[in-house]
Amino acid sequence: MDELKEIKKLFKLMVQENLYELNVEEPNFKVMIKRKTHNPAVNETMAKEQVYEKDNSALSASSVAPAAPAIEYMKIISPINGIFYRSPSPGSSSFVEIGSIVNKGSTVCIVEAMKLMNEIQADTSCRIVKIMVENAMPVTADQVLFLIEAV
């Protein structure tokens, strides 16, 4: 089942590169993978793919391979609309990186709103699993900024 391994690699690439659709066509192999939603937090735990082989008959992801158990991570969310910053100033090091261990009350990022810099702090001691927003990008209230796990 080399094809299944290739499909899994392609799907991991999609998640890493934040792609929502991918088409690959080779002489004896054709695959189209789509992620269900444009919300990265949902895609991480509930991504759904459809696979099309030579005859273009659709196979559900569950019929190709057993589903891996979804990992439920805790989240740090933005309390306000604004611009997300990973560091206190340009050229400074980031507050956190993936894998960073953070104490309760530690600043993990800044959300600028109306020229006010709002420090976003961890509600609990945790490890940063994933950073969901690119630096200097707009965020909305209740948007997931980080996926975390308790330590």
Protein backbone atom coordinates (compact mmCIF):
# COMPACT_ATOMS: atom_id res chain seq x y z
CA MET A 1 0.00 0.00 0.00
CA ASP A 2 2.61 2.54 -1.06
CA GLU A 3 -0.24 4.71 -2.32
CA LEU A 4 -1.71 5.01 1.17
CA LYS A 5 1.68 6.10 2.56
CA GLU A 6 1.94 8.73 -0.18
CA ILE A 7 -1.58 9.99 0.59
CA LYS A 8 -0.73 10.31 4.28
CA LYS A 9 2.46 12.24 3.43
CA LEU A 10 0.48 14.56 1.16
CA PHE A 11 -2.10 15.19 3.86
CA LYS A 12 0.60 16.00 6.44
CA LEU A 13 2.10 18.43 3.92
CA MET A 14 -1.32 20.07 3.51
CA VAL A 15 -1.65 20.59 7.25
CA GLN A 16 1.92 21.94 7.58
CA GLU A 17 1.50 24.34 4.65
CA ASN A 18 -2.07 25.27 5.64
CA LEU A 19 -3.52 24.13 2.30
CA TYR A 20 -7.20 23.27 1.94
CA GLU A 21 -7.12 21.33 -1.32
CA LEU A 22 -4.44 19.36 -3.13
CA ASN A 23 -4.54 17.59 -6.50
CA VAL A 24 -1.79 15.24 -7.70
CA GLU A 25 -1.87 13.48 -11.05
CA GLU A 26 0.62 10.89 -12.25
CA PRO A 27 0.26 8.36 -15.09
CA ASN A 28 -1.09 5.54 -12.87
CA PHE A 29 -2.20 7.50 -9.85
CA LYS A 30 -4.53 10.40 -9.24
CA VAL A 31 -5.45 11.85 -5.85
CA MET A 32 -7.45 14.85 -4.70
CA ILE A 33 -7.49 15.68 -0.99
CA LYS A 34 -9.76 18.33 0.52
CA ARG A 35 -9.90 19.59 4.07
CA LYS A 36 -13.44 20.21 5.24
CA THR A 37 -13.08 23.72 6.68
CA HIS A 38 -10.84 26.76 6.57
CA ASN A 39 -10.60 26.83 10.38
CA PRO A 40 -7.13 25.43 11.27
CA ALA A 41 -8.23 24.38 14.77
CA VAL A 42 -11.02 22.25 13.37
CA ASN A 43 -8.77 20.87 10.64
CA GLU A 44 -6.25 19.61 13.16
CA THR A 45 -8.75 17.40 14.94
CA MET A 46 -11.49 16.80 12.39
CA ALA A 47 -9.82 16.90 8.99
CA LYS A 48 -11.67 14.86 6.41
CA GLU A 49 -10.14 13.74 3.15
CA GLN A 50 -11.50 12.11 0.05
CA VAL A 51 -9.32 9.98 -2.15
CA TYR A 52 -9.86 9.45 -5.86
CA GLU A 53 -8.03 6.59 -7.55
CA LYS A 54 -7.68 5.81 -11.25
CA ASP A 55 -11.38 5.21 -11.80
CA ASN A 56 -12.29 8.37 -9.81
CA SER A 57 -14.47 6.44 -7.38
CA ALA A 58 -14.49 8.16 -4.02
CA LEU A 59 -13.26 6.34 -0.93
CA SER A 60 -13.83 7.82 2.49
CA ALA A 61 -10.78 8.27 4.66
CA SER A 62 -12.18 5.75 7.15
CA SER A 63 -12.32 3.03 4.46
CA VAL A 64 -8.68 3.62 3.54
CA ALA A 65 -7.21 3.48 7.05
CA PRO A 66 -8.48 3.34 10.61
CA ALA A 67 -9.03 6.79 12.06
CA ALA A 68 -6.45 7.96 14.55
CA PRO A 69 -7.93 9.09 17.84
CA ALA A 70 -8.44 12.86 17.85
CA ILE A 71 -6.30 14.63 20.42
CA GLU A 72 -8.18 17.36 22.24
CA TYR A 73 -5.82 20.18 23.10
CA MET A 74 -6.65 23.10 25.35
CA LYS A 75 -6.65 26.49 23.67
CA ILE A 76 -5.51 30.01 24.32
CA ILE A 77 -7.95 32.29 22.56
CA SER A 78 -7.94 35.98 21.73
CA PRO A 79 -10.24 37.96 24.00
CA ILE A 80 -10.43 40.84 21.49
CA ASN A 81 -10.11 41.78 17.83
CA GLY A 82 -6.68 43.12 16.91
CA ILE A 83 -3.25 42.34 15.49
CA PHE A 84 -1.36 39.30 16.83
CA TYR A 85 2.31 39.75 17.75
CA ARG A 86 4.59 36.93 18.91
CA SER A 87 7.20 39.27 20.43
CA PRO A 88 7.19 42.48 22.46
CA SER A 89 8.83 44.48 19.66
CA PRO A 90 10.21 43.97 16.13
CA GLY A 91 13.55 42.20 16.31
CA SER A 92 12.90 40.82 19.80
CA SER A 93 12.67 37.10 20.41
CA SER A 94 9.21 35.54 20.55
CA PHE A 95 7.44 35.11 23.89
CA VAL A 96 6.98 31.39 23.12
CA GLU A 97 7.88 28.78 20.51
CA ILE A 98 6.36 25.39 19.79
CA GLY A 99 7.39 23.15 22.67
CA SER A 100 7.88 26.02 25.12
CA ILE A 101 6.81 25.33 28.70
CA VAL A 102 4.82 28.27 30.05
CA ASN A 103 3.86 29.05 33.65
CA LYS A 104 0.40 30.21 34.60
CA GLY A 105 0.21 33.99 34.09
CA SER A 106 3.14 34.15 31.66
CA THR A 107 2.70 36.33 28.58
CA VAL A 108 2.44 34.25 25.40
CA CYS A 109 1.71 37.03 22.87
CA ILE A 110 0.36 40.53 22.38
CA VAL A 111 -2.85 41.54 20.62
CA GLU A 112 -2.78 45.18 19.59
CA ALA A 113 -6.16 46.90 19.52
CA MET A 114 -6.56 50.62 18.89
CA LYS A 115 -2.85 51.27 19.59
CA LEU A 116 -3.07 49.46 22.95
CA MET A 117 -0.81 46.46 23.47
CA ASN A 118 -2.79 43.77 25.31
CA GLU A 119 -0.64 41.01 26.79
CA ILE A 120 -2.30 37.62 26.48
CA GLN A 121 -1.35 35.32 29.34
CA ALA A 122 -1.57 31.58 29.91
CA ASP A 123 -4.44 30.56 32.21
CA THR A 124 -2.53 27.48 33.33
CA SER A 125 0.96 25.99 33.23
CA CYS A 126 1.26 24.37 29.83
CA ARG A 127 3.35 23.39 26.82
CA ILE A 128 2.78 25.17 23.49
CA VAL A 129 1.76 22.51 20.95
CA LYS A 130 0.89 24.70 17.96
CA ILE A 131 0.85 28.40 17.12
CA MET A 132 -2.32 28.97 15.11
CA VAL A 133 -1.69 32.54 13.85
CA GLU A 134 1.13 34.10 11.85
CA ASN A 135 2.93 37.06 13.37
CA ALA A 136 1.42 40.51 12.62
CA MET A 137 -1.84 39.03 11.32
CA PRO A 138 -5.30 40.21 12.33
CA VAL A 139 -7.26 38.09 14.81
CA THR A 140 -10.84 38.18 15.99
CA ALA A 141 -12.30 37.79 19.45
CA ASP A 142 -12.58 34.09 20.38
CA GLN A 143 -10.09 33.02 17.68
CA VAL A 144 -7.71 30.25 18.73
CA LEU A 145 -4.16 31.59 19.06
CA PHE A 146 -2.38 28.54 20.54
CA LEU A 147 -3.06 24.87 21.11
CA ILE A 148 -1.62 23.81 24.46
CA GLU A 149 -1.40 20.83 26.76
CA ALA A 150 -1.18 20.89 30.54
CA VAL A 151 2.14 20.11 32.20
